[in-house]
Amino acid sequence: MLSRAARPTARAGVAALRYAPQPPRAPSKQLFPQTHPPQAPNAANFATLREIEGRLKSIRNIEKITKTMKIVASTKLTRAQRAMSASRAYGQASQQVFDEAETKPVEAEGKTLLVVCSSDKGLCGGIHSGLSRFVRREYGPNPETFELAVLGEKCKAQLSRSNPKNMALSFAGVGKDVPTFADASAIADQITSLTGNYSSIKILYNKFVNAQQYEPTVVEAFSEDAIKASANISSFEVDDSILGNLREYSLANSLYWALAEGHACEQSARRNAMDNASKNAGDMINRFQILYNRTRQAAITGELVEIITGATASEDM
């Protein structure tokens, strides 16, 4: 035990040792060195809150857009289905004539002209890429046997990368509104004016199965020689001089049918795509809202801890 006279001297020595300058320590090796200076906890929390709040605002705006596009697509789908029902009367009537006449494609030397019916608009899932994959799968191994006439910019852009040498004709401005027979007739005139020697013309389009399903379908547009060689064409009492007109008219009917079916499939696919996008945006909003609440609560808790710690320290002084 120290005497009372020696206690102040001992305390002064301990204080001198405590506050004496320490020798420099060797820097410790860090496995992951910091490249940026650490931020204060409050600044980091507030920055994170601002970032999360900005993302929430962006996702809510996207959700509004997708919901609006879904409503517009649902409205257009009703009109497209009415036009599709009207076009089926034209297309099925032509097909019935050829079925009863027992018309078959004529085997001749020449390439096949494949008319691909798509549109210029996107944001409708994989409806256009499905047609392009069908072309590559069915005709891609033999590119010298066919040429392409593409309706719409979407399939044109996709097929131009894989089959640029097979492009014979393309059309823009397709799919802006409900197809009409006048549009199909103008396209048929351009196709029949091609100078290539084609053994057959096939129309590829998306067939409307139901509001959730569609499938690529091929319709044969018979040539004048094939119609003339039909077994039962004489039963319709058609003169040979007007077989060319019948062939152009049937081509326009088939194109009108294909465009109307494809337009209905496109609107249905866009409605489904926007519905899925709205649901995904809602899920993201819920997750970010929970993250925002947790981050905000952590920031408030940190501030309360600092306040209580400061108040306790001021009372001890």
Protein backbone atom coordinates (compact mmCIF):
# COMPACT_ATOMS: atom_id res chain seq x y z
CA MET A 1 0.00 0.00 0.00
CA LEU A 2 1.24 3.47 -0.93
CA SER A 3 1.02 6.30 1.46
CA ARG A 4 -1.19 9.24 0.75
CA ALA A 5 1.85 11.36 -0.10
CA ALA A 6 3.07 8.87 -2.74
CA ARG A 7 -0.31 8.40 -4.50
CA PRO A 8 -0.25 11.68 -6.54
CA THR A 9 3.23 10.84 -7.80
CA ALA A 10 2.13 7.37 -8.94
CA ARG A 11 -0.92 8.72 -10.71
CA ALA A 12 1.22 11.24 -12.56
CA GLY A 13 3.55 8.46 -13.70
CA VAL A 14 0.69 6.33 -15.00
CA ALA A 15 -0.73 9.31 -16.88
CA ALA A 16 2.65 10.05 -18.41
CA LEU A 17 2.97 6.47 -19.63
CA ARG A 18 -0.59 6.48 -21.01
CA TYR A 19 -0.11 9.63 -23.11
CA ALA A 20 3.52 9.09 -24.03
CA PRO A 21 4.19 8.89 -27.81
CA GLN A 22 4.12 5.28 -29.00
CA PRO A 23 6.58 3.89 -31.58
CA PRO A 24 5.15 3.50 -35.06
CA ARG A 25 3.61 0.12 -35.80
CA ALA A 26 4.22 -1.88 -38.92
CA PRO A 27 1.31 -1.64 -41.36
CA SER A 28 -0.92 -4.68 -41.19
CA LYS A 29 -1.48 -6.64 -44.38
CA GLN A 30 -5.08 -6.52 -45.63
CA LEU A 31 -6.48 -9.23 -47.81
CA PHE A 32 -8.80 -6.75 -49.57
CA PRO A 33 -7.31 -3.25 -49.33
CA GLN A 34 -9.72 -0.34 -49.38
CA THR A 35 -9.54 1.69 -52.57
CA HIS A 36 -12.01 4.35 -51.40
CA PRO A 37 -12.02 6.15 -48.07
CA PRO A 38 -14.78 4.90 -45.76
CA GLN A 39 -17.78 7.18 -45.48
CA ALA A 40 -19.53 8.20 -42.36
CA PRO A 41 -22.41 5.88 -41.40
CA ASN A 42 -25.06 8.58 -41.68
CA ALA A 43 -23.87 9.75 -45.11
CA ALA A 44 -23.78 6.17 -46.42
CA ASN A 45 -27.29 5.45 -45.13
CA PHE A 46 -28.73 8.62 -46.62
CA ALA A 47 -27.03 7.98 -49.96
CA THR A 48 -28.44 4.46 -50.01
CA LEU A 49 -31.90 5.76 -49.16
CA ARG A 50 -31.75 8.28 -52.00
CA GLU A 51 -30.62 5.57 -54.41
CA ILE A 52 -33.39 3.17 -53.37
CA GLU A 53 -35.97 5.95 -53.56
CA GLY A 54 -34.82 6.80 -57.10
CA ARG A 55 -35.11 3.18 -58.17
CA LEU A 56 -38.57 2.91 -56.66
CA LYS A 57 -39.67 5.97 -58.61
CA SER A 58 -38.28 4.56 -61.88
CA ILE A 59 -39.95 1.17 -61.38
CA ARG A 60 -43.29 2.80 -60.55
CA ASN A 61 -43.09 4.84 -63.77
CA ILE A 62 -42.32 1.69 -65.76
CA GLU A 63 -45.27 -0.07 -64.13
CA LYS A 64 -47.58 2.77 -65.19
CA ILE A 65 -46.34 2.48 -68.79
CA THR A 66 -46.74 -1.30 -68.95
CA LYS A 67 -50.23 -1.18 -67.47
CA THR A 68 -51.25 1.48 -70.00
CA MET A 69 -49.80 -0.57 -72.87
CA LYS A 70 -51.68 -3.61 -71.62
CA ILE A 71 -54.98 -1.71 -71.69
CA VAL A 72 -54.26 -0.40 -75.20
CA ALA A 73 -53.31 -3.89 -76.43
CA SER A 74 -56.51 -5.35 -74.94
CA THR A 75 -58.58 -2.76 -76.80
CA LYS A 76 -56.74 -3.39 -80.07
CA LEU A 77 -57.06 -7.15 -79.61
CA THR A 78 -60.85 -6.93 -79.80
CA ARG A 79 -60.65 -5.09 -83.13
CA ALA A 80 -57.98 -7.47 -84.40
CA GLN A 81 -60.11 -10.53 -83.60
CA ARG A 82 -63.04 -9.06 -85.51
CA ALA A 83 -60.81 -8.40 -88.52
CA MET A 84 -59.37 -11.91 -88.21
CA SER A 85 -62.83 -13.46 -88.28
CA ALA A 86 -63.67 -11.49 -91.43
CA SER A 87 -60.39 -12.43 -93.13
CA ARG A 88 -60.92 -16.14 -92.49
CA ALA A 89 -63.94 -16.05 -94.77
CA TYR A 90 -61.67 -14.93 -97.63
CA GLY A 91 -58.77 -17.25 -96.92
CA GLN A 92 -60.78 -20.36 -96.17
CA ALA A 93 -62.96 -19.85 -99.26
CA SER A 94 -59.86 -19.84 -101.48
CA GLN A 95 -58.46 -22.88 -99.74
CA GLN A 96 -61.80 -24.70 -100.13
CA VAL A 97 -61.75 -24.08 -103.89
CA PHE A 98 -58.26 -25.53 -104.20
CA ASP A 99 -59.12 -28.46 -101.93
CA GLU A 100 -62.16 -29.39 -104.02
CA ALA A 101 -60.17 -28.91 -107.22
CA GLU A 102 -57.45 -31.16 -105.77
CA THR A 103 -54.76 -28.61 -106.54
CA LYS A 104 -51.22 -29.67 -105.71
CA PRO A 105 -47.86 -27.91 -106.07
CA VAL A 106 -46.15 -28.58 -109.38
CA GLU A 107 -42.65 -29.98 -109.17
CA ALA A 108 -40.52 -27.65 -111.26
CA GLU A 109 -37.02 -26.29 -111.25
CA GLY A 110 -36.69 -23.04 -109.42
CA LYS A 111 -36.52 -21.54 -105.98
CA THR A 112 -39.26 -21.27 -103.38
CA LEU A 113 -40.40 -17.76 -102.45
CA LEU A 114 -41.15 -17.64 -98.73
CA VAL A 115 -43.36 -14.70 -97.70
CA VAL A 116 -42.82 -14.01 -93.97
CA CYS A 117 -45.61 -11.95 -92.35
CA SER A 118 -44.40 -9.95 -89.34
CA SER A 119 -44.67 -6.27 -88.34
CA ASP A 120 -42.60 -3.21 -87.43
CA LYS A 121 -43.44 -3.12 -83.72
CA GLY A 122 -41.83 -4.93 -80.80
CA LEU A 123 -42.53 -5.34 -77.08
CA CYS A 124 -44.62 -8.42 -77.82
CA GLY A 125 -42.49 -11.30 -76.58
CA GLY A 126 -40.90 -13.75 -78.99
CA ILE A 127 -43.62 -13.77 -81.63
CA HIS A 128 -41.35 -12.38 -84.39
CA SER A 129 -38.26 -14.33 -83.41
CA GLY A 130 -40.36 -17.51 -83.54
CA LEU A 131 -40.97 -16.95 -87.27
CA SER A 132 -37.29 -16.30 -87.87
CA ARG A 133 -36.31 -19.47 -86.02
CA PHE A 134 -38.82 -21.44 -88.08
CA VAL A 135 -37.27 -20.16 -91.31
CA ARG A 136 -33.75 -21.00 -90.15
CA ARG A 137 -34.79 -24.44 -88.93
CA GLU A 138 -36.83 -25.50 -91.97
CA TYR A 139 -34.96 -23.78 -94.81
CA GLY A 140 -31.63 -22.69 -93.34
CA PRO A 141 -29.66 -25.87 -94.22
CA ASN A 142 -30.35 -25.27 -97.96
CA PRO A 143 -30.14 -21.50 -98.52
CA GLU A 144 -29.81 -21.90 -102.28
CA THR A 145 -33.34 -23.31 -102.58
CA PHE A 146 -35.39 -20.32 -101.39
CA GLU A 147 -35.71 -16.54 -101.35
CA LEU A 148 -37.43 -14.27 -98.85
CA ALA A 149 -40.11 -11.61 -99.10
CA VAL A 150 -40.41 -10.18 -95.60
CA LEU A 151 -43.33 -8.07 -94.38
CA GLY A 152 -42.25 -5.94 -91.42
CA GLU A 153 -38.97 -4.65 -90.06
CA LYS A 154 -38.66 -7.07 -87.13
CA CYS A 155 -38.16 -10.29 -89.09
CA LYS A 156 -36.27 -8.38 -91.76
CA ALA A 157 -33.66 -7.28 -89.21
CA GLN A 158 -33.36 -10.82 -87.83
CA LEU A 159 -33.22 -12.65 -91.16
CA SER A 160 -30.89 -10.09 -92.72
CA ARG A 161 -28.20 -11.15 -90.27
CA SER A 162 -28.55 -14.88 -90.97
CA ASN A 163 -29.71 -14.93 -94.62
CA PRO A 164 -28.73 -11.63 -96.26
CA LYS A 165 -28.30 -13.20 -99.72
CA ASN A 166 -31.84 -14.63 -99.71
CA MET A 167 -33.60 -11.27 -99.39
CA ALA A 168 -35.60 -10.59 -102.55
CA LEU A 169 -38.22 -8.12 -101.28
CA SER A 170 -39.20 -6.39 -98.05
CA PHE A 171 -42.05 -4.17 -96.90
CA ALA A 172 -42.06 -1.52 -94.15
CA GLY A 173 -44.97 0.12 -92.37
CA VAL A 174 -46.72 -3.18 -91.61
CA GLY A 175 -48.70 -3.63 -88.39
CA LYS A 176 -49.50 0.00 -87.62
CA ASP A 177 -53.22 -0.66 -87.89
CA VAL A 178 -55.66 -3.47 -88.65
CA PRO A 179 -54.75 -5.00 -92.05
CA THR A 180 -57.13 -4.47 -94.96
CA PHE A 181 -57.67 -6.29 -98.24
CA ALA A 182 -56.33 -3.25 -100.09
CA ASP A 183 -53.01 -3.62 -98.28
CA ALA A 184 -52.87 -7.32 -99.11
CA SER A 185 -53.67 -6.60 -102.77
CA ALA A 186 -50.85 -4.05 -103.04
CA ILE A 187 -48.40 -6.53 -101.50
CA ALA A 188 -49.62 -9.28 -103.85
CA ASP A 189 -49.01 -7.01 -106.87
CA GLN A 190 -45.42 -6.42 -105.77
CA ILE A 191 -44.83 -10.14 -105.21
CA THR A 192 -46.23 -11.18 -108.59
CA SER A 193 -44.07 -8.57 -110.34
CA LEU A 194 -40.85 -10.21 -109.13
CA THR A 195 -38.70 -11.46 -111.98
CA GLY A 196 -37.42 -14.59 -110.25
CA ASN A 197 -38.33 -18.05 -111.49
CA TYR A 198 -40.14 -19.49 -108.46
CA SER A 199 -41.47 -23.00 -108.40
CA SER A 200 -43.84 -22.19 -105.51
CA ILE A 201 -44.83 -19.40 -103.13
CA LYS A 202 -45.36 -20.16 -99.45
CA ILE A 203 -46.81 -17.74 -96.89
CA LEU A 204 -45.53 -18.04 -93.33
CA TYR A 205 -47.52 -16.42 -90.52
CA ASN A 206 -48.51 -16.87 -86.87
CA LYS A 207 -51.79 -18.74 -86.54
CA PHE A 208 -54.06 -17.57 -83.72
CA VAL A 209 -54.91 -20.60 -81.56
CA ASN A 210 -56.18 -18.78 -78.47
CA ALA A 211 -55.31 -15.72 -76.41
CA GLN A 212 -52.30 -17.51 -74.91
CA GLN A 213 -51.05 -19.61 -77.81
CA TYR A 214 -50.00 -19.14 -81.43
CA GLU A 215 -47.96 -21.24 -83.84
CA PRO A 216 -46.06 -20.67 -87.12
CA THR A 217 -48.11 -21.89 -90.08
CA VAL A 218 -47.33 -22.23 -93.80
CA VAL A 219 -49.97 -21.72 -96.51
CA GLU A 220 -49.26 -22.65 -100.11
CA ALA A 221 -50.01 -20.00 -102.74
CA PHE A 222 -50.41 -22.12 -105.88
CA SER A 223 -48.95 -21.02 -109.17
CA GLU A 224 -50.92 -20.67 -112.41
CA ASP A 225 -49.51 -23.94 -113.73
CA ALA A 226 -50.56 -25.76 -110.56
CA ILE A 227 -54.11 -24.41 -110.83
CA LYS A 228 -54.29 -25.40 -114.50
CA ALA A 229 -53.07 -28.92 -113.69
CA SER A 230 -55.71 -29.46 -110.98
CA ALA A 231 -57.75 -32.63 -111.37
CA ASN A 232 -61.19 -31.08 -110.78
CA ILE A 233 -60.67 -27.49 -111.88
CA SER A 234 -63.01 -28.06 -114.84
CA SER A 235 -65.95 -28.44 -112.44
CA PHE A 236 -65.70 -24.71 -111.64
CA GLU A 237 -65.94 -23.76 -115.35
CA VAL A 238 -62.99 -21.40 -115.23
CA ASP A 239 -61.49 -20.25 -118.52
CA ASP A 240 -57.78 -20.63 -118.95
CA SER A 241 -57.50 -16.93 -119.78
CA ILE A 242 -58.50 -15.86 -116.28
CA LEU A 243 -56.41 -18.36 -114.34
CA GLY A 244 -53.79 -15.65 -113.82
CA ASN A 245 -56.39 -13.38 -112.26
CA LEU A 246 -57.62 -16.23 -110.06
CA ARG A 247 -54.07 -16.88 -108.92
CA GLU A 248 -53.47 -13.21 -107.98
CA TYR A 249 -56.83 -12.99 -106.23
CA SER A 250 -56.18 -16.12 -104.19
CA LEU A 251 -52.70 -14.81 -103.28
CA ALA A 252 -54.25 -11.56 -102.02
CA ASN A 253 -56.84 -13.53 -100.04
CA SER A 254 -54.16 -15.68 -98.40
CA LEU A 255 -52.02 -12.63 -97.59
CA TYR A 256 -55.00 -10.82 -96.07
CA TRP A 257 -55.76 -13.87 -93.95
CA ALA A 258 -52.13 -14.22 -92.86
CA LEU A 259 -51.76 -10.52 -91.99
CA ALA A 260 -54.99 -10.46 -89.97
CA GLU A 261 -54.07 -13.63 -88.05
CA GLY A 262 -50.57 -12.29 -87.37
CA HIS A 263 -51.93 -8.95 -86.19
CA ALA A 264 -54.27 -10.64 -83.72
CA CYS A 265 -51.41 -12.82 -82.44
CA GLU A 266 -49.21 -9.75 -82.04
CA GLN A 267 -51.77 -7.85 -79.97
CA SER A 268 -52.43 -10.91 -77.81
CA ALA A 269 -48.69 -11.46 -77.26
CA ARG A 270 -48.17 -7.77 -76.42
CA ARG A 271 -50.98 -7.85 -73.87
CA ASN A 272 -49.48 -10.94 -72.22
CA ALA A 273 -45.98 -9.45 -72.26
CA MET A 274 -47.16 -6.19 -70.68
CA ASP A 275 -49.15 -8.12 -68.08
CA ASN A 276 -46.05 -10.10 -67.09
CA ALA A 277 -43.97 -6.93 -67.06
CA SER A 278 -46.48 -5.21 -64.75
CA LYS A 279 -46.43 -8.17 -62.37
CA ASN A 280 -42.62 -8.21 -62.31
CA ALA A 281 -42.56 -4.48 -61.67
CA GLY A 282 -44.98 -4.94 -58.75
CA ASP A 283 -42.76 -7.63 -57.24
CA MET A 284 -39.70 -5.39 -57.59
CA ILE A 285 -41.56 -2.49 -55.97
CA ASN A 286 -42.45 -4.67 -52.98
CA ARG A 287 -38.85 -5.85 -52.55
CA PHE A 288 -37.39 -2.36 -52.85
CA GLN A 289 -40.03 -0.95 -50.49
CA ILE A 290 -39.03 -3.49 -47.83
CA LEU A 291 -35.35 -2.68 -48.41
CA TYR A 292 -36.08 1.05 -48.17
CA ASN A 293 -37.97 0.61 -44.90
CA ARG A 294 -35.20 -1.50 -43.37
CA THR A 295 -32.49 0.91 -44.46
CA ARG A 296 -34.43 3.89 -43.15
CA GLN A 297 -35.06 2.13 -39.82
CA ALA A 298 -31.36 1.30 -39.54
CA ALA A 299 -30.43 4.93 -40.15
CA ILE A 300 -32.90 6.14 -37.52
CA THR A 301 -31.62 3.55 -35.03
CA GLY A 302 -28.03 4.65 -35.65
CA GLU A 303 -28.93 8.28 -35.05
CA LEU A 304 -30.72 7.39 -31.80
CA VAL A 305 -27.70 5.42 -30.62
CA GLU A 306 -25.44 8.40 -31.32
CA ILE A 307 -27.79 10.78 -29.47
CA ILE A 308 -28.04 8.49 -26.43
CA THR A 309 -24.26 7.91 -26.41
CA GLY A 310 -23.59 11.64 -26.57
CA ALA A 311 -26.09 12.38 -23.81
CA THR A 312 -24.56 9.70 -21.57
CA ALA A 313 -21.05 11.00 -22.18
CA SER A 314 -22.10 14.57 -21.35
CA GLU A 315 -23.63 13.39 -18.06
CA ASP A 316 -20.42 11.60 -17.05
CA MET A 317 -18.27 14.69 -17.56
